[in-house]
Each structure stands twice: as structure tokens, then as C-alpha cells.
Amino acid sequence: MKQSLITCLFLFALLLSQGNDIGAEAASCDIAQHDLPTCTQQACAAFCEENFKGFAYAFCVNVITCKCTSC
């Protein structure tokens, strides 16, 4: 589970660094290929809540949708 959350955090940082290309980057992800089955949306939402506030929290939950994928 911890590895999944770290992956989610890494993806968050990666997407955040992409600026306006976030949507395109997210759309290009092959979720089925990179999905980590041990990660649940609820677990990632809790992770986002613990580690991010305000806009960053909304970004973590809504843009990543916290499926904990690494592209």
C-alpha cells in the first residue's frame, strides 16, 4: 500500500510539473497497463487528504483520480 501511495505522489508531482499539458499527459496514460491493484480510490483519497490542502487536494483527487498509475 505504501508503495502505491508513493507512486501516486510521484504521479502528482509529475503532472504538476507538466503545467498546461496535464490533460494531454493524463489522456496518454495506459491505465490498464500501469494500474496497481493494491491501490484503492479510497486509500488514495485519504492520502491526498493527509498530504495536500486546498487546490492541491482537489488536483490530487480529481485530475489524478488517484488510481495510482505510473505512466
Protein backbone atom coordinates (compact mmCIF):
# COMPACT_ATOMS: atom_id res chain seq x y z
CA MET A 1 0.00 0.00 0.00
CA LYS A 2 2.81 2.41 0.89
CA GLN A 3 4.44 1.85 -2.49
CA SER A 4 1.14 2.62 -4.19
CA LEU A 5 0.81 5.89 -2.30
CA ILE A 6 4.37 6.84 -3.18
CA THR A 7 3.57 6.10 -6.82
CA CYS A 8 0.50 8.31 -6.55
CA LEU A 9 2.60 11.10 -5.06
CA PHE A 10 5.19 10.72 -7.81
CA LEU A 11 2.49 10.93 -10.47
CA PHE A 12 1.06 14.01 -8.77
CA ALA A 13 4.48 15.70 -8.86
CA LEU A 14 4.98 14.65 -12.47
CA LEU A 15 1.62 16.00 -13.59
CA LEU A 16 2.07 19.19 -11.59
CA SER A 17 5.36 19.81 -13.38
CA GLN A 18 3.67 19.48 -16.77
CA GLY A 19 1.63 22.68 -16.40
CA ASN A 20 -0.94 23.08 -19.17
CA ASP A 21 -0.12 19.68 -20.64
CA ILE A 22 -1.67 17.86 -17.69
CA GLY A 23 -4.79 16.83 -19.60
CA ALA A 24 -2.83 15.53 -22.57
CA GLU A 25 -0.41 13.66 -20.33
CA ALA A 26 -3.24 12.06 -18.36
CA ALA A 27 -5.07 11.12 -21.55
CA SER A 28 -1.98 9.38 -22.90
CA CYS A 29 -1.67 7.12 -19.86
CA ASP A 30 -2.48 3.49 -20.41
CA ILE A 31 -4.26 2.96 -17.11
CA ALA A 32 -4.96 -0.73 -17.65
CA GLN A 33 -1.29 -1.45 -18.20
CA HIS A 34 0.01 0.51 -15.22
CA ASP A 35 -2.78 0.12 -12.66
CA LEU A 36 -1.62 -1.10 -9.26
CA PRO A 37 -4.33 -3.46 -7.98
CA THR A 38 -3.41 -2.97 -4.31
CA CYS A 39 -4.34 0.70 -4.51
CA THR A 40 -7.94 1.74 -3.98
CA GLN A 41 -9.50 5.08 -4.78
CA GLN A 42 -10.49 5.43 -1.13
CA ALA A 43 -6.91 4.87 0.02
CA CYS A 44 -5.58 7.43 -2.42
CA ALA A 45 -8.25 9.95 -1.46
CA ALA A 46 -7.17 9.53 2.16
CA PHE A 47 -3.55 10.00 1.09
CA CYS A 48 -4.46 13.19 -0.80
CA GLU A 49 -6.33 14.48 2.23
CA GLU A 50 -3.39 13.82 4.54
CA ASN A 51 -0.74 15.35 2.29
CA PHE A 52 -2.40 18.13 0.28
CA LYS A 53 -4.68 21.04 1.12
CA GLY A 54 -6.92 23.30 -0.91
CA PHE A 55 -6.29 23.30 -4.66
CA ALA A 56 -3.58 20.66 -4.41
CA TYR A 57 -6.01 18.27 -2.71
CA ALA A 58 -8.65 18.84 -5.38
CA PHE A 59 -6.00 18.33 -8.06
CA CYS A 60 -4.79 15.12 -6.47
CA VAL A 61 -8.30 13.68 -6.24
CA ASN A 62 -9.86 14.99 -9.45
CA VAL A 63 -7.05 15.08 -12.01
CA ILE A 64 -5.14 12.02 -10.97
CA THR A 65 -8.37 10.37 -9.81
CA CYS A 66 -5.85 8.58 -7.63
CA LYS A 67 -5.82 5.28 -9.43
CA CYS A 68 -2.14 5.27 -8.55
CA THR A 69 -0.89 4.75 -12.08
CA SER A 70 2.62 5.42 -13.24
CA CYS A 71 2.97 6.18 -16.91
